[in-house]
Amino acid sequence: MKSKWGTCQQTTKEDTQPIYRAYRIVLPPGVEFDFYTYGTRDGAAARARELNAKEKATEAATARGAEK
């Protein structure tokens, strides 16, 4: 089971700007991070929406294939 993609903020050092990434929770307990990093939460949120849309399309295609 996997959750939907969301965004998180990561800091690398005290004096640097944070980076934002898309992530999701996967079972068994763990976290999956997207490869790309962004300087703004909006950039990471756009990527999370894109990843969620891709998964939804894949699930729909799988469901159509199962109906045949």
PDB file of N, CA and C in Angstrom:
ATOM      1  N   MET A   1       0.837  -1.179   0.000  1.00  0.00           N
ATOM      2  CA  MET A   1       0.000   0.000   0.000  1.00  0.00           C
ATOM      3  C   MET A   1       0.880   1.240   0.000  1.00  0.00           C
ATOM      4  N   LYS A   2       0.483   2.210  -0.781  1.00  0.00           N
ATOM      5  CA  LYS A   2       1.239   3.454  -0.876  1.00  0.00           C
ATOM      6  C   LYS A   2       0.282   4.626  -0.715  1.00  0.00           C
ATOM      7  N   SER A   3       0.733   5.677  -0.049  1.00  0.00           N
ATOM      8  CA  SER A   3      -0.093   6.867   0.106  1.00  0.00           C
ATOM      9  C   SER A   3       0.057   7.760  -1.128  1.00  0.00           C
ATOM     10  N   LYS A   4      -0.717   8.819  -1.178  1.00  0.00           N
ATOM     11  CA  LYS A   4      -0.557   9.797  -2.250  1.00  0.00           C
ATOM     12  C   LYS A   4       0.725  10.582  -2.021  1.00  0.00           C
ATOM     13  N   TRP A   5       1.245  11.144  -3.100  1.00  0.00           N
ATOM     14  CA  TRP A   5       2.440  11.973  -3.005  1.00  0.00           C
ATOM     15  C   TRP A   5       2.093  13.283  -2.320  1.00  0.00           C
ATOM     16  N   GLY A   6       2.984  13.748  -1.471  1.00  0.00           N
ATOM     17  CA  GLY A   6       2.845  15.026  -0.781  1.00  0.00           C
ATOM     18  C   GLY A   6       4.171  15.759  -0.835  1.00  0.00           C
ATOM     19  N   THR A   7       4.320  16.831  -0.077  1.00  0.00           N
ATOM     20  CA  THR A   7       5.565  17.592  -0.066  1.00  0.00           C
ATOM     21  C   THR A   7       6.140  17.653   1.338  1.00  0.00           C
ATOM     22  N   CYS A   8       7.443  17.794   1.411  1.00  0.00           N
ATOM     23  CA  CYS A   8       8.106  17.981   2.700  1.00  0.00           C
ATOM     24  C   CYS A   8       9.264  18.946   2.520  1.00  0.00           C
ATOM     25  N   GLN A   9       9.658  19.541   3.624  1.00  0.00           N
ATOM     26  CA  GLN A   9      10.780  20.482   3.639  1.00  0.00           C
ATOM     27  C   GLN A   9      11.956  19.807   4.312  1.00  0.00           C
ATOM     28  N   GLN A  10      13.134  19.940   3.707  1.00  0.00           N
ATOM     29  CA  GLN A  10      14.346  19.391   4.307  1.00  0.00           C
ATOM     30  C   GLN A  10      15.360  20.508   4.460  1.00  0.00           C
ATOM     31  N   THR A  11      16.049  20.518   5.566  1.00  0.00           N
ATOM     32  CA  THR A  11      17.144  21.470   5.757  1.00  0.00           C
ATOM     33  C   THR A  11      18.437  20.672   5.787  1.00  0.00           C
ATOM     34  N   THR A  12      19.466  21.248   5.188  1.00  0.00           N
ATOM     35  CA  THR A  12      20.742  20.553   5.120  1.00  0.00           C
ATOM     36  C   THR A  12      21.720  21.076   6.171  1.00  0.00           C
ATOM     37  N   LYS A  13      21.755  22.380   6.372  1.00  0.00           N
ATOM     38  CA  LYS A  13      22.597  23.007   7.384  1.00  0.00           C
ATOM     39  C   LYS A  13      21.840  24.207   7.934  1.00  0.00           C
ATOM     40  N   GLU A  14      22.283  24.711   9.052  1.00  0.00           N
ATOM     41  CA  GLU A  14      21.579  25.827   9.678  1.00  0.00           C
ATOM     42  C   GLU A  14      21.534  27.075   8.813  1.00  0.00           C
ATOM     43  N   ASP A  15      22.578  27.356   8.067  1.00  0.00           N
ATOM     44  CA  ASP A  15      22.662  28.616   7.327  1.00  0.00           C
ATOM     45  C   ASP A  15      22.302  28.498   5.845  1.00  0.00           C
ATOM     46  N   THR A  16      21.666  27.413   5.439  1.00  0.00           N
ATOM     47  CA  THR A  16      21.296  27.246   4.037  1.00  0.00           C
ATOM     48  C   THR A  16      19.780  27.266   3.886  1.00  0.00           C
ATOM     49  N   GLN A  17      19.342  27.540   2.680  1.00  0.00           N
ATOM     50  CA  GLN A  17      17.918  27.540   2.370  1.00  0.00           C
ATOM     51  C   GLN A  17      17.397  26.106   2.386  1.00  0.00           C
ATOM     52  N   PRO A  18      16.157  25.916   2.797  1.00  0.00           N
ATOM     53  CA  PRO A  18      15.597  24.557   2.774  1.00  0.00           C
ATOM     54  C   PRO A  18      15.320  24.102   1.338  1.00  0.00           C
ATOM     55  N   ILE A  19      15.260  22.800   1.163  1.00  0.00           N
ATOM     56  CA  ILE A  19      14.849  22.237  -0.119  1.00  0.00           C
ATOM     57  C   ILE A  19      13.522  21.522   0.104  1.00  0.00           C
ATOM     58  N   TYR A  20      12.764  21.410  -0.960  1.00  0.00           N
ATOM     59  CA  TYR A  20      11.454  20.764  -0.895  1.00  0.00           C
ATOM     60  C   TYR A  20      11.458  19.572  -1.831  1.00  0.00           C
ATOM     61  N   ARG A  21      10.780  18.512  -1.404  1.00  0.00           N
ATOM     62  CA  ARG A  21      10.719  17.293  -2.198  1.00  0.00           C
ATOM     63  C   ARG A  21       9.325  16.706  -2.138  1.00  0.00           C
ATOM     64  N   ALA A  22       9.030  15.881  -3.139  1.00  0.00           N
ATOM     65  CA  ALA A  22       7.793  15.101  -3.120  1.00  0.00           C
ATOM     66  C   ALA A  22       8.113  13.779  -2.425  1.00  0.00           C
ATOM     67  N   TYR A  23       7.174  13.297  -1.616  1.00  0.00           N
ATOM     68  CA  TYR A  23       7.381  12.043  -0.904  1.00  0.00           C
ATOM     69  C   TYR A  23       6.054  11.335  -0.706  1.00  0.00           C
ATOM     70  N   ARG A  24       6.114  10.071  -0.310  1.00  0.00           N
ATOM     71  CA  ARG A  24       4.920   9.321   0.084  1.00  0.00           C
ATOM     72  C   ARG A  24       5.315   8.238   1.068  1.00  0.00           C
ATOM     73  N   ILE A  25       4.338   7.800   1.836  1.00  0.00           N
ATOM     74  CA  ILE A  25       4.526   6.740   2.803  1.00  0.00           C
ATOM     75  C   ILE A  25       4.231   5.404   2.108  1.00  0.00           C
ATOM     76  N   VAL A  26       5.084   4.429   2.299  1.00  0.00           N
ATOM     77  CA  VAL A  26       4.899   3.103   1.710  1.00  0.00           C
ATOM     78  C   VAL A  26       4.919   2.053   2.812  1.00  0.00           C
ATOM     79  N   LEU A  27       4.258   0.936   2.568  1.00  0.00           N
ATOM     80  CA  LEU A  27       4.259  -0.169   3.517  1.00  0.00           C
ATOM     81  C   LEU A  27       5.096  -1.296   2.958  1.00  0.00           C
ATOM     82  N   PRO A  28       5.921  -1.979   3.708  1.00  0.00           N
ATOM     83  CA  PRO A  28       6.103  -1.850   5.144  1.00  0.00           C
ATOM     84  C   PRO A  28       6.598  -0.450   5.483  1.00  0.00           C
ATOM     85  N   PRO A  29       6.479  -0.040   6.735  1.00  0.00           N
ATOM     86  CA  PRO A  29       6.754   1.351   7.099  1.00  0.00           C
ATOM     87  C   PRO A  29       8.043   1.886   6.494  1.00  0.00           C
ATOM     88  N   GLY A  30       7.869   2.915   5.732  1.00  0.00           N
ATOM     89  CA  GLY A  30       8.997   3.574   5.092  1.00  0.00           C
ATOM     90  C   GLY A  30       8.530   4.808   4.351  1.00  0.00           C
ATOM     91  N   VAL A  31       9.485   5.540   3.816  1.00  0.00           N
ATOM     92  CA  VAL A  31       9.202   6.761   3.072  1.00  0.00           C
ATOM     93  C   VAL A  31       9.905   6.668   1.731  1.00  0.00           C
ATOM     94  N   GLU A  32       9.201   7.015   0.659  1.00  0.00           N
ATOM     95  CA  GLU A  32       9.780   7.050  -0.683  1.00  0.00           C
ATOM     96  C   GLU A  32       9.868   8.510  -1.108  1.00  0.00           C
ATOM     97  N   PHE A  33      11.076   8.965  -1.472  1.00  0.00           N
ATOM     98  CA  PHE A  33      11.276  10.338  -1.922  1.00  0.00           C
ATOM     99  C   PHE A  33      11.436  10.368  -3.432  1.00  0.00           C
ATOM    100  N   ASP A  34      10.900  11.416  -4.048  1.00  0.00           N
ATOM    101  CA  ASP A  34      11.129  11.644  -5.467  1.00  0.00           C
ATOM    102  C   ASP A  34      12.581  12.073  -5.644  1.00  0.00           C
ATOM    103  N   PHE A  35      13.143  11.784  -6.782  1.00  0.00           N
ATOM    104  CA  PHE A  35      14.540  12.087  -7.075  1.00  0.00           C
ATOM    105  C   PHE A  35      14.817  13.590  -7.102  1.00  0.00           C
ATOM    106  N   TYR A  36      13.865  14.377  -7.597  1.00  0.00           N
ATOM    107  CA  TYR A  36      14.085  15.805  -7.820  1.00  0.00           C
ATOM    108  C   TYR A  36      13.913  16.625  -6.545  1.00  0.00           C
ATOM    109  N   THR A  37      14.685  17.712  -6.440  1.00  0.00           N
ATOM    110  CA  THR A  37      14.544  18.657  -5.331  1.00  0.00           C
ATOM    111  C   THR A  37      14.156  20.015  -5.903  1.00  0.00           C
ATOM    112  N   TYR A  38      13.470  20.822  -5.089  1.00  0.00           N
ATOM    113  CA  TYR A  38      12.963  22.121  -5.539  1.00  0.00           C
ATOM    114  C   TYR A  38      13.280  23.182  -4.501  1.00  0.00           C
ATOM    115  N   GLY A  39      13.406  24.424  -4.964  1.00  0.00           N
ATOM    116  CA  GLY A  39      13.682  25.541  -4.074  1.00  0.00           C
ATOM    117  C   GLY A  39      12.441  26.121  -3.444  1.00  0.00           C
ATOM    118  N   THR A  40      11.262  25.720  -3.945  1.00  0.00           N
ATOM    119  CA  THR A  40      10.007  26.234  -3.386  1.00  0.00           C
ATOM    120  C   THR A  40       9.035  25.085  -3.152  1.00  0.00           C
ATOM    121  N   ARG A  41       8.132  25.297  -2.208  1.00  0.00           N
ATOM    122  CA  ARG A  41       7.105  24.294  -1.931  1.00  0.00           C
ATOM    123  C   ARG A  41       6.180  24.149  -3.137  1.00  0.00           C
ATOM    124  N   ASP A  42       5.944  25.236  -3.878  1.00  0.00           N
ATOM    125  CA  ASP A  42       5.078  25.177  -5.054  1.00  0.00           C
ATOM    126  C   ASP A  42       5.643  24.235  -6.121  1.00  0.00           C
ATOM    127  N   GLY A  43       6.946  24.270  -6.315  1.00  0.00           N
ATOM    128  CA  GLY A  43       7.572  23.374  -7.292  1.00  0.00           C
ATOM    129  C   GLY A  43       7.412  21.921  -6.900  1.00  0.00           C
ATOM    130  N   ALA A  44       7.626  21.631  -5.623  1.00  0.00           N
ATOM    131  CA  ALA A  44       7.475  20.258  -5.146  1.00  0.00           C
ATOM    132  C   ALA A  44       6.011  19.823  -5.198  1.00  0.00           C
ATOM    133  N   ALA A  45       5.083  20.741  -4.903  1.00  0.00           N
ATOM    134  CA  ALA A  45       3.656  20.412  -4.948  1.00  0.00           C
ATOM    135  C   ALA A  45       3.219  20.097  -6.376  1.00  0.00           C
ATOM    136  N   ALA A  46       3.746  20.840  -7.349  1.00  0.00           N
ATOM    137  CA  ALA A  46       3.420  20.571  -8.752  1.00  0.00           C
ATOM    138  C   ALA A  46       3.915  19.181  -9.151  1.00  0.00           C
ATOM    139  N   ARG A  47       5.097  18.820  -8.696  1.00  0.00           N
ATOM    140  CA  ARG A  47       5.636  17.483  -8.991  1.00  0.00           C
ATOM    141  C   ARG A  47       4.789  16.399  -8.319  1.00  0.00           C
ATOM    142  N   ALA A  48       4.354  16.649  -7.080  1.00  0.00           N
ATOM    143  CA  ALA A  48       3.515  15.674  -6.380  1.00  0.00           C
ATOM    144  C   ALA A  48       2.197  15.475  -7.137  1.00  0.00           C
ATOM    145  N   ARG A  49       1.598  16.561  -7.619  1.00  0.00           N
ATOM    146  CA  ARG A  49       0.359  16.439  -8.406  1.00  0.00           C
ATOM    147  C   ARG A  49       0.608  15.641  -9.674  1.00  0.00           C
ATOM    148  N   GLU A  50       1.742  15.885 -10.330  1.00  0.00           N
ATOM    149  CA  GLU A  50       2.091  15.147 -11.550  1.00  0.00           C
ATOM    150  C   GLU A  50       2.249  13.656 -11.262  1.00  0.00           C
ATOM    151  N   LEU A  51       2.934  13.318 -10.182  1.00  0.00           N
ATOM    152  CA  LEU A  51       3.128  11.905  -9.832  1.00  0.00           C
ATOM    153  C   LEU A  51       1.805  11.236  -9.475  1.00  0.00           C
ATOM    154  N   ASN A  52       0.926  11.948  -8.755  1.00  0.00           N
ATOM    155  CA  ASN A  52      -0.389  11.392  -8.422  1.00  0.00           C
ATOM    156  C   ASN A  52      -1.224  11.161  -9.674  1.00  0.00           C
ATOM    157  N   ALA A  53      -1.141  12.090 -10.636  1.00  0.00           N
ATOM    158  CA  ALA A  53      -1.894  11.938 -11.885  1.00  0.00           C
ATOM    159  C   ALA A  53      -1.380  10.739 -12.681  1.00  0.00           C
ATOM    160  N   LYS A  54      -0.057  10.549 -12.706  1.00  0.00           N
ATOM    161  CA  LYS A  54       0.514   9.400 -13.417  1.00  0.00           C
ATOM    162  C   LYS A  54       0.045   8.086 -12.799  1.00  0.00           C
ATOM    163  N   GLU A  55       0.031   8.027 -11.470  1.00  0.00           N
ATOM    164  CA  GLU A  55      -0.419   6.802 -10.809  1.00  0.00           C
ATOM    165  C   GLU A  55      -1.895   6.541 -11.053  1.00  0.00           C
ATOM    166  N   LYS A  56      -2.699   7.603 -11.040  1.00  0.00           N
ATOM    167  CA  LYS A  56      -4.133   7.450 -11.280  1.00  0.00           C
ATOM    168  C   LYS A  56      -4.371   6.922 -12.696  1.00  0.00           C
ATOM    169  N   ALA A  57      -3.612   7.448 -13.671  1.00  0.00           N
ATOM    170  CA  ALA A  57      -3.750   6.988 -15.054  1.00  0.00           C
ATOM    171  C   ALA A  57      -3.326   5.524 -15.180  1.00  0.00           C
ATOM    172  N   THR A  58      -2.273   5.139 -14.488  1.00  0.00           N
ATOM    173  CA  THR A  58      -1.806   3.755 -14.518  1.00  0.00           C
ATOM    174  C   THR A  58      -2.840   2.819 -13.908  1.00  0.00           C
ATOM    175  N   GLU A  59      -3.434   3.236 -12.783  1.00  0.00           N
ATOM    176  CA  GLU A  59      -4.468   2.422 -12.141  1.00  0.00           C
ATOM    177  C   GLU A  59      -5.688   2.270 -13.043  1.00  0.00           C
ATOM    178  N   ALA A  60      -6.070   3.349 -13.738  1.00  0.00           N
ATOM    179  CA  ALA A  60      -7.217   3.292 -14.638  1.00  0.00           C
ATOM    180  C   ALA A  60      -6.938   2.348 -15.809  1.00  0.00           C
ATOM    181  N   ALA A  61      -5.720   2.406 -16.340  1.00  0.00           N
ATOM    182  CA  ALA A  61      -5.351   1.528 -17.458  1.00  0.00           C
ATOM    183  C   ALA A  61      -5.355   0.058 -16.990  1.00  0.00           C
ATOM    184  N   THR A  62      -4.879  -0.170 -15.792  1.00  0.00           N
ATOM    185  CA  THR A  62      -4.865  -1.526 -15.249  1.00  0.00           C
ATOM    186  C   THR A  62      -6.276  -2.051 -15.058  1.00  0.00           C
ATOM    187  N   ALA A  63      -7.142  -1.182 -14.564  1.00  0.00           N
ATOM    188  CA  ALA A  63      -8.541  -1.579 -14.354  1.00  0.00           C
ATOM    189  C   ALA A  63      -9.223  -1.880 -15.702  1.00  0.00           C
ATOM    190  N   ARG A  64      -8.942  -1.086 -16.719  1.00  0.00           N
ATOM    191  CA  ARG A  64      -9.514  -1.347 -18.044  1.00  0.00           C
ATOM    192  C   ARG A  64      -9.000  -2.663 -18.604  1.00  0.00           C
ATOM    193  N   GLY A  65      -7.730  -2.973 -18.360  1.00  0.00           N
ATOM    194  CA  GLY A  65      -7.139  -4.218 -18.834  1.00  0.00           C
ATOM    195  C   GLY A  65      -7.748  -5.426 -18.134  1.00  0.00           C
ATOM    196  N   ALA A  66      -8.105  -5.257 -16.872  1.00  0.00           N
ATOM    197  CA  ALA A  66      -8.700  -6.359 -16.104  1.00  0.00           C
ATOM    198  C   ALA A  66     -10.127  -6.642 -16.555  1.00  0.00           C
ATOM    199  N   GLU A  67     -10.808  -5.643 -17.106  1.00  0.00           N
ATOM    200  CA  GLU A  67     -12.188  -5.816 -17.549  1.00  0.00           C
ATOM    201  C   GLU A  67     -12.269  -6.644 -18.825  1.00  0.00           C
ATOM    202  N   LYS A  68     -11.221  -6.624 -19.616  1.00  0.00           N
ATOM    203  CA  LYS A  68     -11.250  -7.335 -20.910  1.00  0.00           C
ATOM    204  C   LYS A  68     -11.163  -8.814 -20.763  1.00  0.00           C
TER     205      LYS A  68
END
